[in-house]
Amino acid sequence: MINTDQGQFRLSIFETGVPPRFRLHFVDRAGQPTAPPRNETYFVQTLRNDGCRQDFAFEDRSGEYLEATEILPEPHEFEVTLRMRDRNRQQSYDLRFTEHDHEHAHEHGAGLKGLILGALHLDHSHGMEGHGHGSVSSALLSNERGIWALKWSFVGLGITALIQVAVVMVSGSAGLLADTIH
């Protein structure tokens, strides 16, 4: 979902019983589905891990949504730049699609390491649908600078938790204790 001044729109991949294509659905400020804007043009460009780019234009489908004119090849894992253009302005939105099994069929680590990685969501990642929690990008964990940033973030959070424990001991605040535990 992407928020705009007029409401929201959702970029999704539809492939139920048909070849996969991007679809754009629109929602007004009240959260109600609405017809696609007539005075705006939408384009999507995908960038895959191997550097391959593909452009997609959209057309109106029965006034309910916009659909890409081209079929989307597998796998559905790539970065997306969505461009919206009208007479007065152009806006761009950057998104990431990650394809995985939504049945939660992956294994979690065991022992203390598995507990820590699971609590920090470092043992797996989830795409745009399915789970509502965040995860650390595999790109962050795959280079030295990303590991450095992750370690210092963990140290900073640990120091914050210690300060919160000290304040809880002095104040007896149950709310702060719950936040510290979280």
C-alpha atoms as a PDB file:
ATOM      1  CA  MET A   1       0.000   0.000   0.000  1.00  0.00           C
ATOM      2  CA  ILE A   2       1.242   3.458  -0.873  1.00  0.00           C
ATOM      3  CA  ASN A   3      -0.251   6.539   0.795  1.00  0.00           C
ATOM      4  CA  THR A   4      -0.966   9.666  -1.265  1.00  0.00           C
ATOM      5  CA  ASP A   5      -2.860  12.930  -0.741  1.00  0.00           C
ATOM      6  CA  GLN A   6      -5.940  11.448  -2.430  1.00  0.00           C
ATOM      7  CA  GLY A   7      -5.899   8.090  -0.618  1.00  0.00           C
ATOM      8  CA  GLN A   8      -3.954   4.897  -1.127  1.00  0.00           C
ATOM      9  CA  PHE A   9      -3.084   2.556  -3.930  1.00  0.00           C
ATOM     10  CA  ARG A  10      -1.836  -1.008  -3.806  1.00  0.00           C
ATOM     11  CA  LEU A  11       0.614  -2.537  -6.238  1.00  0.00           C
ATOM     12  CA  SER A  12       0.255  -6.307  -6.294  1.00  0.00           C
ATOM     13  CA  ILE A  13       1.017  -9.296  -8.480  1.00  0.00           C
ATOM     14  CA  PHE A  14      -2.096 -11.152  -9.632  1.00  0.00           C
ATOM     15  CA  GLU A  15      -1.658 -14.670 -10.958  1.00  0.00           C
ATOM     16  CA  THR A  16      -4.714 -16.690  -9.916  1.00  0.00           C
ATOM     17  CA  GLY A  17      -5.611 -18.766 -12.969  1.00  0.00           C
ATOM     18  CA  VAL A  18      -3.836 -16.368 -15.364  1.00  0.00           C
ATOM     19  CA  PRO A  19      -0.241 -15.445 -16.239  1.00  0.00           C
ATOM     20  CA  PRO A  20       1.171 -13.081 -13.558  1.00  0.00           C
ATOM     21  CA  ARG A  21       0.718  -9.335 -14.051  1.00  0.00           C
ATOM     22  CA  PHE A  22       1.051  -6.254 -11.879  1.00  0.00           C
ATOM     23  CA  ARG A  23      -2.237  -4.708 -10.725  1.00  0.00           C
ATOM     24  CA  LEU A  24      -2.916  -1.303  -9.193  1.00  0.00           C
ATOM     25  CA  HIS A  25      -5.989  -0.954  -6.958  1.00  0.00           C
ATOM     26  CA  PHE A  26      -7.078   2.418  -5.533  1.00  0.00           C
ATOM     27  CA  VAL A  27      -8.681   3.327  -2.175  1.00  0.00           C
ATOM     28  CA  ASP A  28     -10.060   6.752  -1.198  1.00  0.00           C
ATOM     29  CA  ARG A  29      -9.403   8.563   2.113  1.00  0.00           C
ATOM     30  CA  ALA A  30     -12.377   6.767   3.710  1.00  0.00           C
ATOM     31  CA  GLY A  31     -10.835   3.396   2.858  1.00  0.00           C
ATOM     32  CA  GLN A  32     -13.345   2.574   0.115  1.00  0.00           C
ATOM     33  CA  PRO A  33     -12.273   1.094  -3.248  1.00  0.00           C
ATOM     34  CA  THR A  34     -12.347   3.685  -5.994  1.00  0.00           C
ATOM     35  CA  ALA A  35     -11.895   3.776  -9.756  1.00  0.00           C
ATOM     36  CA  PRO A  36      -8.420   4.505 -11.126  1.00  0.00           C
ATOM     37  CA  PRO A  37      -7.734   8.215 -11.693  1.00  0.00           C
ATOM     38  CA  ARG A  38      -8.368   9.224 -15.314  1.00  0.00           C
ATOM     39  CA  ASN A  39      -5.730  11.973 -15.483  1.00  0.00           C
ATOM     40  CA  GLU A  40      -2.748   9.967 -14.176  1.00  0.00           C
ATOM     41  CA  THR A  41      -0.384   7.560 -15.901  1.00  0.00           C
ATOM     42  CA  TYR A  42       1.478   4.801 -14.051  1.00  0.00           C
ATOM     43  CA  PHE A  43       4.679   2.971 -15.004  1.00  0.00           C
ATOM     44  CA  VAL A  44       6.676   0.298 -13.166  1.00  0.00           C
ATOM     45  CA  GLN A  45      10.311  -0.644 -13.663  1.00  0.00           C
ATOM     46  CA  THR A  46      11.676  -3.809 -12.045  1.00  0.00           C
ATOM     47  CA  LEU A  47      15.336  -4.306 -11.179  1.00  0.00           C
ATOM     48  CA  ARG A  48      16.381  -7.894 -10.513  1.00  0.00           C
ATOM     49  CA  ASN A  49      19.427  -9.042  -8.537  1.00  0.00           C
ATOM     50  CA  ASP A  50      21.270  -9.837 -11.788  1.00  0.00           C
ATOM     51  CA  GLY A  51      20.875  -6.200 -12.963  1.00  0.00           C
ATOM     52  CA  CYS A  52      18.127  -6.965 -15.512  1.00  0.00           C
ATOM     53  CA  ARG A  53      15.477  -4.221 -15.850  1.00  0.00           C
ATOM     54  CA  GLN A  54      11.955  -4.468 -17.257  1.00  0.00           C
ATOM     55  CA  ASP A  55       9.386  -1.709 -17.841  1.00  0.00           C
ATOM     56  CA  PHE A  56       5.623  -2.096 -17.457  1.00  0.00           C
ATOM     57  CA  ALA A  57       2.836   0.220 -18.620  1.00  0.00           C
ATOM     58  CA  PHE A  58      -0.728  -0.060 -17.276  1.00  0.00           C
ATOM     59  CA  GLU A  59      -4.196  -0.014 -18.782  1.00  0.00           C
ATOM     60  CA  ASP A  60      -7.646   0.320 -17.234  1.00  0.00           C
ATOM     61  CA  ARG A  61      -9.504  -2.938 -16.607  1.00  0.00           C
ATOM     62  CA  SER A  62     -13.266  -2.359 -16.391  1.00  0.00           C
ATOM     63  CA  GLY A  63     -12.849   0.783 -14.270  1.00  0.00           C
ATOM     64  CA  GLU A  64     -11.902  -1.226 -11.156  1.00  0.00           C
ATOM     65  CA  TYR A  65      -8.105  -1.369 -11.375  1.00  0.00           C
ATOM     66  CA  LEU A  66      -5.144  -0.874 -13.663  1.00  0.00           C
ATOM     67  CA  GLU A  67      -3.274  -3.894 -14.997  1.00  0.00           C
ATOM     68  CA  ALA A  68       0.170  -4.170 -16.574  1.00  0.00           C
ATOM     69  CA  THR A  69       0.133  -4.736 -20.306  1.00  0.00           C
ATOM     70  CA  GLU A  70       3.036  -7.230 -20.068  1.00  0.00           C
ATOM     71  CA  ILE A  71       3.285 -10.582 -18.281  1.00  0.00           C
ATOM     72  CA  LEU A  72       5.631 -10.592 -15.274  1.00  0.00           C
ATOM     73  CA  PRO A  73       8.281 -13.343 -15.507  1.00  0.00           C
ATOM     74  CA  GLU A  74       9.264 -15.512 -12.552  1.00  0.00           C
ATOM     75  CA  PRO A  75      10.748 -15.300 -10.001  1.00  0.00           C
ATOM     76  CA  HIS A  76       8.843 -12.436  -8.380  1.00  0.00           C
ATOM     77  CA  GLU A  77      11.744 -11.079  -6.368  1.00  0.00           C
ATOM     78  CA  PHE A  78      13.011  -7.642  -7.379  1.00  0.00           C
ATOM     79  CA  GLU A  79      13.128  -3.952  -6.602  1.00  0.00           C
ATOM     80  CA  VAL A  80      10.372  -1.829  -8.127  1.00  0.00           C
ATOM     81  CA  THR A  81      10.204   1.846  -9.009  1.00  0.00           C
ATOM     82  CA  LEU A  82       6.606   2.962  -9.499  1.00  0.00           C
ATOM     83  CA  ARG A  83       6.202   6.272 -11.327  1.00  0.00           C
ATOM     84  CA  MET A  84       2.964   8.236 -11.266  1.00  0.00           C
ATOM     85  CA  ARG A  85       2.565  11.115 -13.696  1.00  0.00           C
ATOM     86  CA  ASP A  86      -0.206  13.682 -14.261  1.00  0.00           C
ATOM     87  CA  ARG A  87      -0.261  17.058 -16.053  1.00  0.00           C
ATOM     88  CA  ASN A  88       1.396  18.949 -13.189  1.00  0.00           C
ATOM     89  CA  ARG A  89       3.802  16.557 -11.479  1.00  0.00           C
ATOM     90  CA  GLN A  90       5.602  13.240 -11.385  1.00  0.00           C
ATOM     91  CA  GLN A  91       6.143  11.104  -8.283  1.00  0.00           C
ATOM     92  CA  SER A  92       8.213   7.955  -7.750  1.00  0.00           C
ATOM     93  CA  TYR A  93       7.907   5.215  -5.139  1.00  0.00           C
ATOM     94  CA  ASP A  94      10.511   2.523  -4.460  1.00  0.00           C
ATOM     95  CA  LEU A  95       9.322  -0.910  -3.311  1.00  0.00           C
ATOM     96  CA  ARG A  96      10.735  -4.413  -2.879  1.00  0.00           C
ATOM     97  CA  PHE A  97       8.965  -7.648  -3.757  1.00  0.00           C
ATOM     98  CA  THR A  98      10.195 -10.855  -2.129  1.00  0.00           C
ATOM     99  CA  GLU A  99       8.804 -14.214  -3.157  1.00  0.00           C
ATOM    100  CA  HIS A 100       8.574 -17.003  -0.628  1.00  0.00           C
ATOM    101  CA  ASP A 101       6.261 -19.714   0.629  1.00  0.00           C
ATOM    102  CA  HIS A 102       3.534 -18.146   2.768  1.00  0.00           C
ATOM    103  CA  GLU A 103       2.915 -21.405   4.620  1.00  0.00           C
ATOM    104  CA  HIS A 104       5.677 -20.583   7.135  1.00  0.00           C
ATOM    105  CA  ALA A 105       7.471 -23.812   6.190  1.00  0.00           C
ATOM    106  CA  HIS A 106      10.981 -22.705   7.147  1.00  0.00           C
ATOM    107  CA  GLU A 107      12.934 -24.013  10.113  1.00  0.00           C
ATOM    108  CA  HIS A 108      13.839 -21.862  13.096  1.00  0.00           C
ATOM    109  CA  GLY A 109      17.227 -22.228  14.760  1.00  0.00           C
ATOM    110  CA  ALA A 110      17.562 -24.106  18.019  1.00  0.00           C
ATOM    111  CA  GLY A 111      19.141 -23.168  21.318  1.00  0.00           C
ATOM    112  CA  LEU A 112      20.097 -19.708  22.583  1.00  0.00           C
ATOM    113  CA  LYS A 113      21.249 -18.573  19.136  1.00  0.00           C
ATOM    114  CA  GLY A 114      17.879 -19.566  17.615  1.00  0.00           C
ATOM    115  CA  LEU A 115      16.009 -17.786  20.407  1.00  0.00           C
ATOM    116  CA  ILE A 116      17.976 -14.547  19.918  1.00  0.00           C
ATOM    117  CA  LEU A 117      17.799 -14.635  16.110  1.00  0.00           C
ATOM    118  CA  GLY A 118      14.083 -15.407  16.221  1.00  0.00           C
ATOM    119  CA  ALA A 119      13.362 -12.587  18.674  1.00  0.00           C
ATOM    120  CA  LEU A 120      15.220 -10.145  16.439  1.00  0.00           C
ATOM    121  CA  HIS A 121      13.673 -11.633  13.241  1.00  0.00           C
ATOM    122  CA  LEU A 122      17.147 -12.340  11.864  1.00  0.00           C
ATOM    123  CA  ASP A 123      16.512 -16.024  11.210  1.00  0.00           C
ATOM    124  CA  HIS A 124      14.138 -15.476   8.300  1.00  0.00           C
ATOM    125  CA  SER A 125      12.390 -12.824   6.271  1.00  0.00           C
ATOM    126  CA  HIS A 126       8.856 -12.345   5.042  1.00  0.00           C
ATOM    127  CA  GLY A 127       7.537 -10.658   1.931  1.00  0.00           C
ATOM    128  CA  MET A 128       4.858  -8.040   1.584  1.00  0.00           C
ATOM    129  CA  GLU A 129       2.025 -10.384   2.519  1.00  0.00           C
ATOM    130  CA  GLY A 130       1.619 -12.890   5.332  1.00  0.00           C
ATOM    131  CA  HIS A 131       3.244 -11.653   8.497  1.00  0.00           C
ATOM    132  CA  GLY A 132       3.130  -8.156   9.889  1.00  0.00           C
ATOM    133  CA  HIS A 133       6.532  -8.004  11.541  1.00  0.00           C
ATOM    134  CA  GLY A 134       9.654  -6.569  10.010  1.00  0.00           C
ATOM    135  CA  SER A 135      12.813  -8.392   9.166  1.00  0.00           C
ATOM    136  CA  VAL A 136      16.401  -7.529   8.456  1.00  0.00           C
ATOM    137  CA  SER A 137      17.250  -7.345   4.769  1.00  0.00           C
ATOM    138  CA  SER A 138      19.570 -10.091   3.569  1.00  0.00           C
ATOM    139  CA  ALA A 139      21.626  -7.335   1.918  1.00  0.00           C
ATOM    140  CA  LEU A 140      22.283  -5.842   5.362  1.00  0.00           C
ATOM    141  CA  LEU A 141      23.574  -9.172   6.658  1.00  0.00           C
ATOM    142  CA  SER A 142      25.696  -9.890   3.584  1.00  0.00           C
ATOM    143  CA  ASN A 143      28.331  -7.174   3.854  1.00  0.00           C
ATOM    144  CA  GLU A 144      30.765  -5.961   6.472  1.00  0.00           C
ATOM    145  CA  ARG A 145      29.259  -2.460   6.773  1.00  0.00           C
ATOM    146  CA  GLY A 146      25.781  -3.928   7.316  1.00  0.00           C
ATOM    147  CA  ILE A 147      27.031  -6.258  10.065  1.00  0.00           C
ATOM    148  CA  TRP A 148      28.826  -3.317  11.700  1.00  0.00           C
ATOM    149  CA  ALA A 149      25.608  -1.229  11.666  1.00  0.00           C
ATOM    150  CA  LEU A 150      23.601  -4.141  13.043  1.00  0.00           C
ATOM    151  CA  LYS A 151      26.062  -4.724  15.891  1.00  0.00           C
ATOM    152  CA  TRP A 152      26.100  -1.042  16.903  1.00  0.00           C
ATOM    153  CA  SER A 153      22.303  -0.871  16.700  1.00  0.00           C
ATOM    154  CA  PHE A 154      22.144  -3.853  19.044  1.00  0.00           C
ATOM    155  CA  VAL A 155      24.604  -2.180  21.453  1.00  0.00           C
ATOM    156  CA  GLY A 156      22.539   1.041  21.389  1.00  0.00           C
ATOM    157  CA  LEU A 157      19.328  -0.857  22.110  1.00  0.00           C
ATOM    158  CA  GLY A 158      21.058  -2.733  24.943  1.00  0.00           C
ATOM    159  CA  ILE A 159      22.201   0.520  26.552  1.00  0.00           C
ATOM    160  CA  THR A 160      18.679   1.941  26.199  1.00  0.00           C
ATOM    161  CA  ALA A 161      17.251  -1.166  27.900  1.00  0.00           C
ATOM    162  CA  LEU A 162      19.723  -0.828  30.794  1.00  0.00           C
ATOM    163  CA  ILE A 163      18.738   2.823  31.295  1.00  0.00           C
ATOM    164  CA  GLN A 164      15.065   1.804  31.243  1.00  0.00           C
ATOM    165  CA  VAL A 165      15.717  -0.897  33.871  1.00  0.00           C
ATOM    166  CA  ALA A 166      17.334   1.733  36.111  1.00  0.00           C
ATOM    167  CA  VAL A 167      14.341   4.064  35.703  1.00  0.00           C
ATOM    168  CA  VAL A 168      11.934   1.169  36.407  1.00  0.00           C
ATOM    169  CA  MET A 169      13.843   0.387  39.638  1.00  0.00           C
ATOM    170  CA  VAL A 170      13.513   4.004  40.773  1.00  0.00           C
ATOM    171  CA  SER A 171       9.966   4.723  39.573  1.00  0.00           C
ATOM    172  CA  GLY A 172       8.274   1.321  39.740  1.00  0.00           C
ATOM    173  CA  SER A 173       6.564   2.034  36.388  1.00  0.00           C
ATOM    174  CA  ALA A 174       4.826  -1.103  35.086  1.00  0.00           C
ATOM    175  CA  GLY A 175       4.396   0.450  31.625  1.00  0.00           C
ATOM    176  CA  LEU A 176       8.111   1.181  31.286  1.00  0.00           C
ATOM    177  CA  LEU A 177       8.892  -2.322  32.554  1.00  0.00           C
ATOM    178  CA  ALA A 178       6.674  -3.793  29.817  1.00  0.00           C
ATOM    179  CA  ASP A 179       8.400  -1.597  27.213  1.00  0.00           C
ATOM    180  CA  THR A 180      11.817  -2.655  28.515  1.00  0.00           C
ATOM    181  CA  ILE A 181      10.894  -6.340  28.292  1.00  0.00           C
ATOM    182  CA  HIS A 182       9.594  -5.852  24.744  1.00  0.00           C
END
